[in-house]
Amino acid sequence: MPDPGLPMLSYSFVSVDTHKTCLARLVDPAVRRVARHTLFTHKEAVQIGGAGLGVVFKLFGADTGGQFAVVEHPLAPGTLAGPFHIHHKEDEVSYVLEGEIMVQIGDQLIQAPVGTLIFKPRGLPHTFWNQSSAPARILEIISPAGFEKYFEELAELVAPGGPPDIPRLLTLAQKYDLELNMSSVPELSQKYHVSLGGPGQPA
C-alpha cells in the first residue's frame, strides 16, 4: 500500500506552469512536419538487468531533430524502475498504457492507472514502480532528446541476476547529467515490496 504519510493523487497530474517549455518543443512546426509525413517503425528493445524493466525505442532524437524522444517501458509486477533520480537536462511525460504504476515526484505520491498522464519536470527527484500483481506499460516522452541513449548503455552495464556496478553506474549517470540517489533503493524496496530488476533481483 502507498505510504499514508505522503499526499497521493489518483488522477492525471500535469503542472500547467512548468510544462510549457516541454509542450512548446512538441508542437514546434518543424517537428509537426516530420511527424505528418513520416511513419516510424522502430522496434529495437533492451532489458535493464533482469526481466523487470524493458525499453522499447519508438522515436530517437534523430527522428525529431533532437526535439524529443519516445520510449515504451514495460514494467513487471514487483519492479522498481530506478532509484530516486534527478534529470538536469530533460523533462519527461509518462502516459500509462497498461496496468497501474505508482509515481513519486518530490514528496508527492501519484497512483497512476491506465490513461494517466504524468509530467516529471527536470530538477525534481522522482521514480516509479509497479507494486501490483499485473504487468504495466508506460509511454515516455523525453524532451529534449538524447537521454534515450542512456538506456542503451545502461542495458550493457547492468547484468541480470547480480548487483549493479555502482561506480560505473554513477559514471554513466554523470555522462547524461543524471543525479542518482542509490541510498533510496533499500527504503523504497522495503516500503513497497519492489526491487530493481523485478522480483528475485537484489534490492
N, C-alpha and C. Protein backbone atom coordinates (compact mmCIF):
# COMPACT_ATOMS: atom_id res chain seq x y z
N MET A 1 0.84 -1.20 0.00
CA MET A 1 0.00 0.00 0.00
C MET A 1 0.87 1.25 0.00
N PRO A 2 0.41 2.33 -0.61
CA PRO A 2 1.18 3.57 -0.60
C PRO A 2 1.40 4.08 0.81
N ASP A 3 2.44 4.85 0.99
CA ASP A 3 2.78 5.42 2.28
C ASP A 3 1.70 6.42 2.70
N PRO A 4 0.99 6.17 3.81
CA PRO A 4 -0.08 7.09 4.22
C PRO A 4 0.43 8.46 4.61
N GLY A 5 1.75 8.58 4.81
CA GLY A 5 2.29 9.87 5.22
C GLY A 5 2.53 10.82 4.06
N LEU A 6 2.36 10.33 2.83
CA LEU A 6 2.58 11.17 1.66
C LEU A 6 1.26 11.54 1.00
N PRO A 7 1.16 12.75 0.46
CA PRO A 7 -0.05 13.11 -0.29
C PRO A 7 -0.14 12.27 -1.54
N MET A 8 -1.33 11.78 -1.86
CA MET A 8 -1.47 10.90 -3.02
C MET A 8 -2.54 11.44 -3.95
N LEU A 9 -2.24 11.37 -5.23
CA LEU A 9 -3.20 11.75 -6.26
C LEU A 9 -3.62 10.50 -7.00
N SER A 10 -4.88 10.43 -7.41
CA SER A 10 -5.36 9.28 -8.18
C SER A 10 -5.94 9.75 -9.51
N TYR A 11 -5.45 10.89 -10.00
CA TYR A 11 -5.92 11.41 -11.27
C TYR A 11 -4.72 11.91 -12.06
N SER A 12 -4.96 12.27 -13.32
CA SER A 12 -3.88 12.74 -14.17
C SER A 12 -3.24 13.98 -13.57
N PHE A 13 -1.92 14.01 -13.56
CA PHE A 13 -1.20 15.12 -12.93
C PHE A 13 -0.35 15.83 -13.97
N VAL A 14 -0.68 17.06 -14.26
CA VAL A 14 0.11 17.87 -15.18
C VAL A 14 0.28 19.25 -14.57
N SER A 15 1.50 19.70 -14.42
CA SER A 15 1.77 21.02 -13.89
C SER A 15 1.70 22.05 -15.01
N VAL A 16 0.69 22.89 -14.99
CA VAL A 16 0.46 23.83 -16.08
C VAL A 16 1.60 24.82 -16.22
N ASP A 17 2.09 25.33 -15.10
CA ASP A 17 3.11 26.37 -15.16
C ASP A 17 4.46 25.86 -15.61
N THR A 18 4.79 24.59 -15.29
CA THR A 18 6.14 24.12 -15.54
C THR A 18 6.30 23.29 -16.80
N HIS A 19 5.21 22.92 -17.47
CA HIS A 19 5.39 22.06 -18.64
C HIS A 19 5.27 22.80 -19.96
N LYS A 20 5.20 24.13 -19.94
CA LYS A 20 5.02 24.88 -21.18
C LYS A 20 6.19 24.70 -22.13
N THR A 21 7.42 24.71 -21.59
CA THR A 21 8.59 24.56 -22.46
C THR A 21 8.59 23.21 -23.14
N CYS A 22 8.29 22.17 -22.36
CA CYS A 22 8.25 20.82 -22.92
C CYS A 22 7.22 20.72 -24.04
N LEU A 23 6.01 21.22 -23.79
CA LEU A 23 4.97 21.15 -24.81
C LEU A 23 5.29 22.02 -26.02
N ALA A 24 5.96 23.15 -25.79
CA ALA A 24 6.34 24.01 -26.90
C ALA A 24 7.26 23.27 -27.87
N ARG A 25 8.16 22.46 -27.32
CA ARG A 25 9.05 21.69 -28.18
C ARG A 25 8.25 20.69 -29.01
N LEU A 26 7.23 20.09 -28.39
CA LEU A 26 6.48 19.05 -29.07
C LEU A 26 5.59 19.59 -30.18
N VAL A 27 5.26 20.87 -30.13
CA VAL A 27 4.41 21.44 -31.17
C VAL A 27 5.19 22.34 -32.12
N ASP A 28 6.52 22.27 -32.06
CA ASP A 28 7.35 23.03 -32.98
C ASP A 28 6.94 22.68 -34.41
N PRO A 29 6.73 23.68 -35.29
CA PRO A 29 6.26 23.41 -36.65
C PRO A 29 7.14 22.43 -37.41
N ALA A 30 8.45 22.51 -37.24
CA ALA A 30 9.35 21.61 -37.94
C ALA A 30 9.12 20.17 -37.51
N VAL A 31 8.87 19.97 -36.20
CA VAL A 31 8.61 18.63 -35.71
C VAL A 31 7.28 18.12 -36.23
N ARG A 32 6.27 18.99 -36.27
CA ARG A 32 4.96 18.58 -36.78
C ARG A 32 5.07 18.15 -38.23
N ARG A 33 5.90 18.85 -39.03
CA ARG A 33 6.06 18.46 -40.43
C ARG A 33 6.65 17.07 -40.55
N VAL A 34 7.65 16.78 -39.71
CA VAL A 34 8.26 15.45 -39.74
C VAL A 34 7.23 14.40 -39.36
N ALA A 35 6.47 14.67 -38.29
CA ALA A 35 5.50 13.70 -37.80
C ALA A 35 4.40 13.43 -38.81
N ARG A 36 3.99 14.44 -39.56
CA ARG A 36 2.91 14.26 -40.53
C ARG A 36 3.33 13.38 -41.69
N HIS A 37 4.59 13.42 -42.05
CA HIS A 37 4.99 12.80 -43.30
C HIS A 37 5.87 11.57 -43.12
N THR A 38 6.05 11.13 -41.89
CA THR A 38 6.93 10.00 -41.66
C THR A 38 6.25 8.96 -40.79
N LEU A 39 6.35 7.69 -41.22
CA LEU A 39 5.85 6.58 -40.42
C LEU A 39 7.05 5.91 -39.76
N PHE A 40 7.06 5.88 -38.43
CA PHE A 40 8.18 5.32 -37.69
C PHE A 40 7.84 3.90 -37.25
N THR A 41 8.76 2.99 -37.48
CA THR A 41 8.51 1.59 -37.15
C THR A 41 9.64 1.00 -36.31
N HIS A 42 10.28 1.82 -35.47
CA HIS A 42 11.35 1.30 -34.63
C HIS A 42 10.81 0.21 -33.70
N LYS A 43 11.55 -0.89 -33.58
CA LYS A 43 11.14 -1.96 -32.68
C LYS A 43 12.31 -2.44 -31.83
N GLU A 44 13.39 -1.69 -31.83
CA GLU A 44 14.54 -2.08 -31.01
C GLU A 44 14.14 -2.05 -29.54
N ALA A 45 14.55 -3.08 -28.81
CA ALA A 45 14.20 -3.17 -27.40
C ALA A 45 15.37 -3.73 -26.61
N VAL A 46 15.48 -3.30 -25.35
CA VAL A 46 16.50 -3.83 -24.45
C VAL A 46 15.87 -4.09 -23.09
N GLN A 47 16.51 -4.97 -22.31
CA GLN A 47 16.11 -5.22 -20.93
C GLN A 47 17.15 -4.59 -20.01
N ILE A 48 16.69 -3.99 -18.93
CA ILE A 48 17.58 -3.40 -17.95
C ILE A 48 17.73 -4.38 -16.79
N GLY A 49 18.88 -5.04 -16.70
CA GLY A 49 19.10 -6.02 -15.64
C GLY A 49 18.26 -7.26 -15.87
N GLY A 50 17.38 -7.59 -14.93
CA GLY A 50 16.51 -8.75 -15.07
C GLY A 50 15.36 -8.47 -16.02
N ALA A 51 14.27 -9.22 -15.82
CA ALA A 51 13.12 -9.08 -16.72
C ALA A 51 12.13 -8.03 -16.25
N GLY A 52 12.49 -7.24 -15.23
CA GLY A 52 11.52 -6.31 -14.65
C GLY A 52 11.24 -5.09 -15.49
N LEU A 53 12.29 -4.42 -15.98
CA LEU A 53 12.14 -3.17 -16.73
C LEU A 53 12.67 -3.33 -18.14
N GLY A 54 11.85 -3.01 -19.11
CA GLY A 54 12.26 -3.04 -20.50
C GLY A 54 12.23 -1.66 -21.11
N VAL A 55 12.88 -1.52 -22.26
CA VAL A 55 12.86 -0.26 -23.01
C VAL A 55 12.65 -0.60 -24.48
N VAL A 56 11.55 -0.11 -25.04
CA VAL A 56 11.27 -0.26 -26.46
C VAL A 56 11.40 1.13 -27.08
N PHE A 57 12.31 1.28 -28.01
CA PHE A 57 12.59 2.59 -28.60
C PHE A 57 11.59 2.88 -29.71
N LYS A 58 10.83 3.95 -29.55
CA LYS A 58 9.81 4.34 -30.51
C LYS A 58 10.28 5.47 -31.42
N LEU A 59 10.88 6.50 -30.84
CA LEU A 59 11.43 7.62 -31.61
C LEU A 59 12.77 8.02 -31.01
N PHE A 60 13.76 8.15 -31.86
CA PHE A 60 15.06 8.65 -31.45
C PHE A 60 15.15 10.15 -31.74
N GLY A 61 16.13 10.79 -31.12
CA GLY A 61 16.33 12.20 -31.40
C GLY A 61 16.57 12.49 -32.86
N ALA A 62 17.20 11.54 -33.55
CA ALA A 62 17.45 11.71 -34.99
C ALA A 62 16.17 11.79 -35.79
N ASP A 63 15.09 11.24 -35.26
CA ASP A 63 13.80 11.27 -35.95
C ASP A 63 13.06 12.59 -35.78
N THR A 64 13.43 13.37 -34.76
CA THR A 64 12.67 14.57 -34.41
C THR A 64 13.51 15.84 -34.40
N GLY A 65 14.67 15.78 -35.01
CA GLY A 65 15.54 16.95 -34.99
C GLY A 65 16.06 17.27 -33.61
N GLY A 66 16.11 16.25 -32.74
CA GLY A 66 16.62 16.45 -31.39
C GLY A 66 15.61 17.05 -30.42
N GLN A 67 14.38 17.28 -30.88
CA GLN A 67 13.39 17.93 -30.02
C GLN A 67 12.91 17.02 -28.89
N PHE A 68 12.68 15.76 -29.19
CA PHE A 68 12.22 14.83 -28.17
C PHE A 68 12.47 13.40 -28.64
N ALA A 69 12.40 12.48 -27.70
CA ALA A 69 12.48 11.05 -27.98
C ALA A 69 11.32 10.36 -27.28
N VAL A 70 10.94 9.17 -27.76
CA VAL A 70 9.85 8.42 -27.16
C VAL A 70 10.29 6.98 -26.95
N VAL A 71 10.09 6.49 -25.72
CA VAL A 71 10.35 5.08 -25.43
C VAL A 71 9.13 4.51 -24.72
N GLU A 72 9.03 3.20 -24.78
CA GLU A 72 7.99 2.49 -24.02
C GLU A 72 8.68 1.65 -22.95
N HIS A 73 8.14 1.70 -21.73
CA HIS A 73 8.69 0.92 -20.63
C HIS A 73 7.70 -0.15 -20.19
N PRO A 74 7.92 -1.42 -20.54
CA PRO A 74 7.18 -2.49 -19.87
C PRO A 74 7.74 -2.64 -18.45
N LEU A 75 6.86 -2.82 -17.49
CA LEU A 75 7.26 -2.88 -16.09
C LEU A 75 6.56 -4.07 -15.43
N ALA A 76 7.36 -5.08 -15.07
CA ALA A 76 6.79 -6.30 -14.49
C ALA A 76 6.31 -6.04 -13.06
N PRO A 77 5.39 -6.87 -12.56
CA PRO A 77 4.95 -6.74 -11.16
C PRO A 77 6.15 -6.81 -10.20
N GLY A 78 6.10 -5.98 -9.17
CA GLY A 78 7.15 -6.00 -8.16
C GLY A 78 8.44 -5.32 -8.57
N THR A 79 8.38 -4.49 -9.61
CA THR A 79 9.59 -3.86 -10.14
C THR A 79 9.68 -2.39 -9.79
N LEU A 80 10.82 -2.01 -9.25
CA LEU A 80 11.18 -0.60 -9.06
C LEU A 80 11.97 -0.16 -10.28
N ALA A 81 11.52 0.88 -10.97
CA ALA A 81 12.16 1.27 -12.23
C ALA A 81 13.57 1.82 -12.02
N GLY A 82 13.79 2.46 -10.87
CA GLY A 82 15.11 3.03 -10.61
C GLY A 82 15.12 3.72 -9.27
N PRO A 83 16.29 4.12 -8.81
CA PRO A 83 16.35 4.89 -7.57
C PRO A 83 15.76 6.28 -7.78
N PHE A 84 15.53 7.00 -6.71
CA PHE A 84 15.18 8.40 -6.88
C PHE A 84 16.29 9.06 -7.71
N HIS A 85 15.89 9.86 -8.68
CA HIS A 85 16.88 10.49 -9.55
C HIS A 85 16.38 11.84 -10.03
N ILE A 86 17.32 12.65 -10.47
CA ILE A 86 17.02 14.00 -10.96
C ILE A 86 17.63 14.17 -12.33
N HIS A 87 16.80 14.56 -13.30
CA HIS A 87 17.30 14.94 -14.62
C HIS A 87 17.61 16.44 -14.60
N HIS A 88 18.78 16.80 -15.06
CA HIS A 88 19.14 18.22 -15.10
C HIS A 88 19.00 18.82 -16.49
N LYS A 89 18.71 17.97 -17.50
CA LYS A 89 18.61 18.47 -18.88
C LYS A 89 17.25 18.20 -19.52
N GLU A 90 16.52 17.21 -19.01
CA GLU A 90 15.32 16.76 -19.70
C GLU A 90 14.07 16.88 -18.84
N ASP A 91 12.95 17.12 -19.50
CA ASP A 91 11.63 16.93 -18.92
C ASP A 91 11.09 15.61 -19.45
N GLU A 92 10.23 14.96 -18.66
CA GLU A 92 9.64 13.70 -19.09
C GLU A 92 8.12 13.76 -18.90
N VAL A 93 7.43 13.15 -19.84
CA VAL A 93 5.98 12.99 -19.73
C VAL A 93 5.68 11.50 -19.88
N SER A 94 4.97 10.92 -18.90
CA SER A 94 4.65 9.50 -18.93
C SER A 94 3.15 9.31 -19.10
N TYR A 95 2.77 8.37 -19.97
CA TYR A 95 1.36 8.03 -20.18
C TYR A 95 1.21 6.53 -19.93
N VAL A 96 0.31 6.17 -19.03
CA VAL A 96 0.14 4.77 -18.66
C VAL A 96 -0.73 4.07 -19.70
N LEU A 97 -0.13 3.09 -20.37
CA LEU A 97 -0.81 2.34 -21.44
C LEU A 97 -1.53 1.10 -20.92
N GLU A 98 -0.96 0.51 -19.88
CA GLU A 98 -1.48 -0.77 -19.38
C GLU A 98 -1.17 -0.88 -17.89
N GLY A 99 -2.09 -1.46 -17.14
CA GLY A 99 -1.85 -1.70 -15.73
C GLY A 99 -1.91 -0.43 -14.90
N GLU A 100 -1.19 -0.46 -13.79
CA GLU A 100 -1.17 0.68 -12.88
C GLU A 100 0.21 0.79 -12.26
N ILE A 101 0.72 1.99 -12.16
CA ILE A 101 2.01 2.23 -11.52
C ILE A 101 1.84 3.26 -10.41
N MET A 102 2.84 3.32 -9.57
CA MET A 102 2.95 4.38 -8.58
C MET A 102 4.13 5.26 -8.97
N VAL A 103 3.94 6.56 -8.85
CA VAL A 103 4.98 7.52 -9.19
C VAL A 103 5.19 8.44 -8.00
N GLN A 104 6.43 8.68 -7.66
CA GLN A 104 6.71 9.68 -6.64
C GLN A 104 7.54 10.78 -7.25
N ILE A 105 7.05 12.02 -7.14
CA ILE A 105 7.75 13.22 -7.62
C ILE A 105 7.93 14.13 -6.41
N GLY A 106 9.16 14.31 -5.98
CA GLY A 106 9.38 15.04 -4.74
C GLY A 106 8.70 14.29 -3.60
N ASP A 107 7.82 14.96 -2.85
CA ASP A 107 7.09 14.30 -1.77
C ASP A 107 5.65 13.96 -2.15
N GLN A 108 5.38 13.99 -3.46
CA GLN A 108 4.02 13.74 -3.94
C GLN A 108 3.94 12.33 -4.53
N LEU A 109 3.01 11.54 -4.01
CA LEU A 109 2.80 10.17 -4.46
C LEU A 109 1.58 10.13 -5.37
N ILE A 110 1.75 9.54 -6.54
CA ILE A 110 0.69 9.54 -7.55
C ILE A 110 0.33 8.10 -7.90
N GLN A 111 -0.93 7.76 -7.72
CA GLN A 111 -1.45 6.47 -8.16
C GLN A 111 -1.90 6.65 -9.60
N ALA A 112 -1.30 5.88 -10.52
CA ALA A 112 -1.49 6.15 -11.94
C ALA A 112 -2.01 4.92 -12.68
N PRO A 113 -3.34 4.79 -12.82
CA PRO A 113 -3.91 3.71 -13.63
C PRO A 113 -3.84 4.05 -15.12
N VAL A 114 -4.35 3.14 -15.93
CA VAL A 114 -4.38 3.35 -17.39
C VAL A 114 -5.01 4.70 -17.72
N GLY A 115 -4.37 5.42 -18.63
CA GLY A 115 -4.89 6.71 -19.07
C GLY A 115 -4.35 7.90 -18.31
N THR A 116 -3.54 7.65 -17.27
CA THR A 116 -2.99 8.76 -16.50
C THR A 116 -1.80 9.36 -17.23
N LEU A 117 -1.74 10.68 -17.24
CA LEU A 117 -0.62 11.42 -17.82
C LEU A 117 0.13 12.11 -16.69
N ILE A 118 1.43 11.88 -16.62
CA ILE A 118 2.23 12.43 -15.53
C ILE A 118 3.38 13.24 -16.11
N PHE A 119 3.52 14.47 -15.67
CA PHE A 119 4.64 15.31 -16.08
C PHE A 119 5.71 15.30 -15.00
N LYS A 120 6.94 14.99 -15.40
CA LYS A 120 8.07 14.93 -14.47
C LYS A 120 9.10 15.96 -14.92
N PRO A 121 9.06 17.15 -14.37
CA PRO A 121 9.95 18.22 -14.82
C PRO A 121 11.39 18.00 -14.37
N ARG A 122 12.31 18.50 -15.15
CA ARG A 122 13.71 18.43 -14.76
C ARG A 122 13.91 19.14 -13.41
N GLY A 123 14.90 18.67 -12.67
CA GLY A 123 15.21 19.32 -11.41
C GLY A 123 14.47 18.78 -10.21
N LEU A 124 13.48 17.90 -10.41
CA LEU A 124 12.73 17.33 -9.29
C LEU A 124 13.03 15.83 -9.17
N PRO A 125 13.34 15.36 -7.97
CA PRO A 125 13.60 13.92 -7.80
C PRO A 125 12.33 13.12 -8.01
N HIS A 126 12.47 12.00 -8.68
CA HIS A 126 11.29 11.17 -8.94
C HIS A 126 11.72 9.73 -9.21
N THR A 127 10.76 8.84 -9.14
CA THR A 127 10.92 7.47 -9.58
C THR A 127 9.52 6.87 -9.72
N PHE A 128 9.43 5.62 -10.21
CA PHE A 128 8.14 4.96 -10.33
C PHE A 128 8.33 3.45 -10.17
N TRP A 129 7.24 2.76 -9.87
CA TRP A 129 7.32 1.33 -9.65
C TRP A 129 5.96 0.69 -9.89
N ASN A 130 5.99 -0.63 -10.01
CA ASN A 130 4.77 -1.42 -10.19
C ASN A 130 4.65 -2.35 -8.99
N GLN A 131 3.79 -1.99 -8.04
CA GLN A 131 3.60 -2.83 -6.87
C GLN A 131 2.36 -3.71 -6.99
N SER A 132 1.75 -3.73 -8.18
CA SER A 132 0.56 -4.54 -8.40
C SER A 132 0.97 -5.96 -8.79
N SER A 133 -0.02 -6.80 -9.03
CA SER A 133 0.23 -8.18 -9.43
C SER A 133 0.13 -8.37 -10.94
N ALA A 134 -0.05 -7.28 -11.69
CA ALA A 134 -0.21 -7.36 -13.14
C ALA A 134 0.86 -6.51 -13.83
N PRO A 135 1.25 -6.88 -15.05
CA PRO A 135 2.24 -6.08 -15.79
C PRO A 135 1.70 -4.68 -16.08
N ALA A 136 2.61 -3.75 -16.26
CA ALA A 136 2.25 -2.38 -16.63
C ALA A 136 3.12 -1.94 -17.80
N ARG A 137 2.63 -0.95 -18.54
CA ARG A 137 3.42 -0.36 -19.63
C ARG A 137 3.17 1.14 -19.63
N ILE A 138 4.24 1.91 -19.82
CA ILE A 138 4.08 3.35 -19.97
C ILE A 138 4.79 3.82 -21.22
N LEU A 139 4.26 4.89 -21.80
CA LEU A 139 4.91 5.57 -22.90
C LEU A 139 5.58 6.81 -22.34
N GLU A 140 6.86 6.97 -22.63
CA GLU A 140 7.64 8.06 -22.04
C GLU A 140 8.14 9.00 -23.14
N ILE A 141 7.80 10.27 -23.00
CA ILE A 141 8.31 11.31 -23.90
C ILE A 141 9.42 12.05 -23.18
N ILE A 142 10.57 12.13 -23.80
CA ILE A 142 11.75 12.76 -23.20
C ILE A 142 12.11 13.99 -24.03
N SER A 143 12.15 15.16 -23.40
CA SER A 143 12.39 16.39 -24.15
C SER A 143 13.39 17.28 -23.41
N PRO A 144 14.48 17.68 -24.10
CA PRO A 144 14.86 17.33 -25.47
C PRO A 144 15.38 15.90 -25.54
N ALA A 145 15.66 15.45 -26.75
CA ALA A 145 16.15 14.09 -26.96
C ALA A 145 17.60 13.96 -26.51
N GLY A 146 18.06 12.72 -26.48
CA GLY A 146 19.44 12.42 -26.12
C GLY A 146 19.52 11.40 -25.02
N PHE A 147 18.60 11.52 -24.04
CA PHE A 147 18.66 10.62 -22.89
C PHE A 147 18.28 9.19 -23.27
N GLU A 148 17.60 9.01 -24.40
CA GLU A 148 17.25 7.64 -24.81
C GLU A 148 18.50 6.77 -24.96
N LYS A 149 19.62 7.40 -25.30
CA LYS A 149 20.87 6.64 -25.47
C LYS A 149 21.38 6.10 -24.14
N TYR A 150 21.00 6.74 -23.06
CA TYR A 150 21.38 6.27 -21.73
C TYR A 150 20.90 4.83 -21.51
N PHE A 151 19.69 4.52 -21.95
CA PHE A 151 19.14 3.19 -21.73
C PHE A 151 19.94 2.13 -22.49
N GLU A 152 20.40 2.46 -23.68
CA GLU A 152 21.22 1.51 -24.43
C GLU A 152 22.50 1.18 -23.66
N GLU A 153 23.13 2.20 -23.12
CA GLU A 153 24.37 1.98 -22.38
C GLU A 153 24.10 1.30 -21.04
N LEU A 154 22.98 1.64 -20.41
CA LEU A 154 22.63 1.04 -19.14
C LEU A 154 22.39 -0.46 -19.29
N ALA A 155 21.73 -0.87 -20.37
CA ALA A 155 21.44 -2.29 -20.59
C ALA A 155 22.73 -3.09 -20.73
N GLU A 156 23.76 -2.50 -21.31
CA GLU A 156 25.05 -3.19 -21.44
C GLU A 156 25.78 -3.26 -20.11
N LEU A 157 25.50 -2.32 -19.24
CA LEU A 157 26.22 -2.21 -17.97
C LEU A 157 25.64 -3.08 -16.87
N VAL A 158 24.32 -3.22 -16.85
CA VAL A 158 23.63 -3.92 -15.75
C VAL A 158 23.35 -5.36 -16.16
N ALA A 159 24.00 -6.30 -15.49
CA ALA A 159 23.83 -7.71 -15.81
C ALA A 159 22.69 -8.31 -15.00
N PRO A 160 21.89 -9.20 -15.62
CA PRO A 160 20.80 -9.85 -14.88
C PRO A 160 21.35 -10.71 -13.74
N GLY A 161 20.63 -10.73 -12.62
CA GLY A 161 20.95 -11.65 -11.54
C GLY A 161 22.04 -11.20 -10.60
N GLY A 162 22.63 -10.06 -10.82
CA GLY A 162 23.71 -9.61 -9.95
C GLY A 162 23.55 -8.16 -9.56
N PRO A 163 24.25 -7.73 -8.54
CA PRO A 163 24.15 -6.33 -8.12
C PRO A 163 24.80 -5.41 -9.15
N PRO A 164 24.32 -4.20 -9.29
CA PRO A 164 24.91 -3.28 -10.26
C PRO A 164 26.29 -2.83 -9.83
N ASP A 165 27.13 -2.52 -10.81
CA ASP A 165 28.45 -1.96 -10.54
C ASP A 165 28.24 -0.46 -10.28
N ILE A 166 28.15 -0.10 -9.00
CA ILE A 166 27.76 1.26 -8.63
C ILE A 166 28.71 2.32 -9.18
N PRO A 167 30.03 2.17 -9.07
CA PRO A 167 30.92 3.21 -9.61
C PRO A 167 30.72 3.44 -11.11
N ARG A 168 30.57 2.35 -11.88
CA ARG A 168 30.36 2.51 -13.32
C ARG A 168 28.98 3.10 -13.61
N LEU A 169 28.00 2.73 -12.80
CA LEU A 169 26.65 3.28 -12.97
C LEU A 169 26.64 4.78 -12.72
N LEU A 170 27.34 5.22 -11.69
CA LEU A 170 27.39 6.65 -11.38
C LEU A 170 28.16 7.42 -12.45
N THR A 171 29.18 6.79 -13.01
CA THR A 171 29.93 7.43 -14.09
C THR A 171 29.04 7.62 -15.32
N LEU A 172 28.24 6.59 -15.63
CA LEU A 172 27.31 6.69 -16.76
C LEU A 172 26.27 7.78 -16.51
N ALA A 173 25.74 7.84 -15.30
CA ALA A 173 24.75 8.85 -14.96
C ALA A 173 25.33 10.25 -15.11
N GLN A 174 26.56 10.42 -14.68
CA GLN A 174 27.20 11.74 -14.79
C GLN A 174 27.33 12.16 -16.24
N LYS A 175 27.59 11.20 -17.11
CA LYS A 175 27.71 11.48 -18.55
C LYS A 175 26.43 12.12 -19.09
N TYR A 176 25.28 11.71 -18.55
CA TYR A 176 23.99 12.22 -19.02
C TYR A 176 23.39 13.26 -18.07
N ASP A 177 24.21 13.80 -17.19
CA ASP A 177 23.77 14.82 -16.24
C ASP A 177 22.56 14.34 -15.44
N LEU A 178 22.66 13.09 -15.01
CA LEU A 178 21.61 12.44 -14.22
C LEU A 178 22.14 12.23 -12.81
N GLU A 179 21.38 12.64 -11.84
CA GLU A 179 21.77 12.51 -10.43
C GLU A 179 21.01 11.35 -9.81
N LEU A 180 21.73 10.31 -9.39
CA LEU A 180 21.12 9.12 -8.81
C LEU A 180 21.27 9.11 -7.29
N ASN A 181 20.19 8.79 -6.60
CA ASN A 181 20.23 8.63 -5.16
C ASN A 181 20.11 7.14 -4.84
N MET A 182 21.24 6.43 -4.90
CA MET A 182 21.22 4.99 -4.71
C MET A 182 20.78 4.61 -3.29
N SER A 183 20.97 5.50 -2.33
CA SER A 183 20.58 5.19 -0.96
C SER A 183 19.06 5.10 -0.80
N SER A 184 18.31 5.55 -1.79
CA SER A 184 16.85 5.47 -1.71
C SER A 184 16.31 4.08 -2.00
N VAL A 185 17.13 3.23 -2.63
CA VAL A 185 16.64 1.93 -3.09
C VAL A 185 16.21 1.02 -1.94
N PRO A 186 17.02 0.81 -0.91
CA PRO A 186 16.58 -0.09 0.17
C PRO A 186 15.26 0.34 0.81
N GLU A 187 15.09 1.64 1.06
CA GLU A 187 13.86 2.11 1.68
C GLU A 187 12.65 1.88 0.77
N LEU A 188 12.79 2.22 -0.51
CA LEU A 188 11.69 2.01 -1.45
C LEU A 188 11.35 0.53 -1.57
N SER A 189 12.38 -0.31 -1.63
CA SER A 189 12.17 -1.75 -1.78
C SER A 189 11.43 -2.32 -0.58
N GLN A 190 11.83 -1.91 0.60
CA GLN A 190 11.21 -2.42 1.82
C GLN A 190 9.79 -1.90 1.99
N LYS A 191 9.60 -0.63 1.72
CA LYS A 191 8.30 0.01 1.96
C LYS A 191 7.23 -0.48 0.99
N TYR A 192 7.61 -0.69 -0.29
CA TYR A 192 6.61 -1.00 -1.32
C TYR A 192 6.75 -2.42 -1.87
N HIS A 193 7.68 -3.20 -1.33
CA HIS A 193 7.88 -4.59 -1.74
C HIS A 193 8.17 -4.70 -3.24
N VAL A 194 9.11 -3.89 -3.68
CA VAL A 194 9.55 -3.89 -5.08
C VAL A 194 11.08 -3.94 -5.09
N SER A 195 11.63 -4.28 -6.24
CA SER A 195 13.09 -4.34 -6.34
C SER A 195 13.54 -3.93 -7.73
N LEU A 196 14.75 -3.42 -7.83
CA LEU A 196 15.34 -3.12 -9.13
C LEU A 196 15.50 -4.41 -9.91
N GLY A 197 15.10 -4.41 -11.17
CA GLY A 197 15.22 -5.63 -11.98
C GLY A 197 14.05 -6.58 -11.82
N GLY A 198 13.16 -6.30 -10.86
CA GLY A 198 12.00 -7.15 -10.67
C GLY A 198 12.18 -8.15 -9.55
N PRO A 199 11.15 -8.95 -9.24
CA PRO A 199 11.20 -9.91 -8.14
C PRO A 199 12.36 -10.90 -8.30
N GLY A 200 13.01 -11.19 -7.20
CA GLY A 200 14.13 -12.12 -7.25
C GLY A 200 15.47 -11.48 -7.50
N GLN A 201 15.46 -10.19 -7.82
CA GLN A 201 16.71 -9.48 -8.06
C GLN A 201 17.17 -8.83 -6.76
N PRO A 202 18.48 -8.60 -6.63
CA PRO A 202 18.97 -7.96 -5.41
C PRO A 202 18.37 -6.57 -5.24
N ALA A 203 18.00 -6.22 -4.03
CA ALA A 203 17.44 -4.90 -3.75
C ALA A 203 18.51 -3.85 -3.76
